[in-house]
Amino acid sequence: MALLPHQIRVVAEKRELDERLQRLVAFMGTATFAELPEAERARMTRQRDVMTELSAVLGDRIDAFSA
């Protein structure tokens, strides 16, 4: 089944988000991250959590394309 243009955009959005999320998670494992002020680490942790949730929602939407 060929995807419609808006579905292709959703797939691309999820791929790009997952790549950014992977880079953020990798950064969070560095000494540089550990040296940031606690408030900034908390904001970045919140960002990771929100990005993870958005990725799940986009994944659900993609799964529904073939339903």
Protein backbone atom coordinates (compact mmCIF):
# COMPACT_ATOMS: atom_id res chain seq x y z
CA MET A 1 0.00 0.00 0.00
CA ALA A 2 1.43 3.34 -1.06
CA LEU A 3 1.44 6.06 1.55
CA LEU A 4 -0.36 9.34 0.97
CA PRO A 5 1.65 12.59 1.06
CA HIS A 6 0.58 13.47 4.62
CA GLN A 7 1.45 9.95 5.76
CA ILE A 8 4.90 10.23 4.22
CA ARG A 9 5.38 13.46 6.20
CA VAL A 10 4.41 11.70 9.45
CA VAL A 11 6.94 8.93 8.76
CA ALA A 12 9.65 11.51 8.03
CA GLU A 13 8.75 13.49 11.15
CA LYS A 14 9.07 10.39 13.34
CA ARG A 15 12.40 9.41 11.76
CA GLU A 16 13.81 12.92 12.32
CA LEU A 17 12.45 13.08 15.87
CA ASP A 18 13.92 9.67 16.71
CA GLU A 19 17.32 10.78 15.39
CA ARG A 20 17.23 13.95 17.54
CA LEU A 21 16.05 11.94 20.53
CA GLN A 22 18.91 9.46 20.09
CA ARG A 23 21.43 12.33 20.05
CA LEU A 24 19.85 13.90 23.15
CA VAL A 25 19.94 10.61 25.05
CA ALA A 26 23.58 10.11 24.05
CA PHE A 27 24.44 13.61 25.27
CA MET A 28 22.68 12.94 28.55
CA GLY A 29 25.20 10.17 29.19
CA THR A 30 28.21 12.49 28.95
CA ALA A 31 30.27 14.28 31.55
CA THR A 32 29.24 17.60 29.98
CA PHE A 33 25.60 16.86 30.77
CA ALA A 34 26.51 15.87 34.33
CA GLU A 35 28.24 19.23 34.81
CA LEU A 36 25.20 21.27 33.77
CA PRO A 37 23.15 22.99 36.47
CA GLU A 38 20.49 20.73 37.94
CA ALA A 39 17.67 22.90 36.56
CA GLU A 40 19.02 22.53 33.01
CA ARG A 41 19.42 18.77 33.43
CA ALA A 42 15.81 18.62 34.61
CA ARG A 43 14.62 20.58 31.56
CA MET A 44 16.54 18.29 29.24
CA THR A 45 15.13 15.23 31.00
CA ARG A 46 11.65 16.67 30.54
CA GLN A 47 12.45 17.33 26.87
CA ARG A 48 13.54 13.68 26.47
CA ASP A 49 10.33 12.47 28.07
CA VAL A 50 8.14 14.65 25.83
CA MET A 51 10.05 13.62 22.72
CA THR A 52 9.67 9.96 23.70
CA GLU A 53 5.91 10.40 24.10
CA LEU A 54 5.60 12.22 20.77
CA SER A 55 7.55 9.44 19.07
CA ALA A 56 5.10 6.90 20.51
CA VAL A 57 2.12 8.92 19.24
CA LEU A 58 3.63 9.20 15.78
CA GLY A 59 4.33 5.47 15.84
CA ASP A 60 0.67 4.80 16.69
CA ARG A 61 -0.41 7.01 13.80
CA ILE A 62 1.91 5.18 11.42
CA ASP A 63 0.61 1.81 12.62
CA ALA A 64 -2.93 3.00 11.91
CA PHE A 65 -2.07 3.75 8.29
CA SER A 66 -2.21 0.04 7.51
CA ALA A 67 -5.21 -0.71 9.70
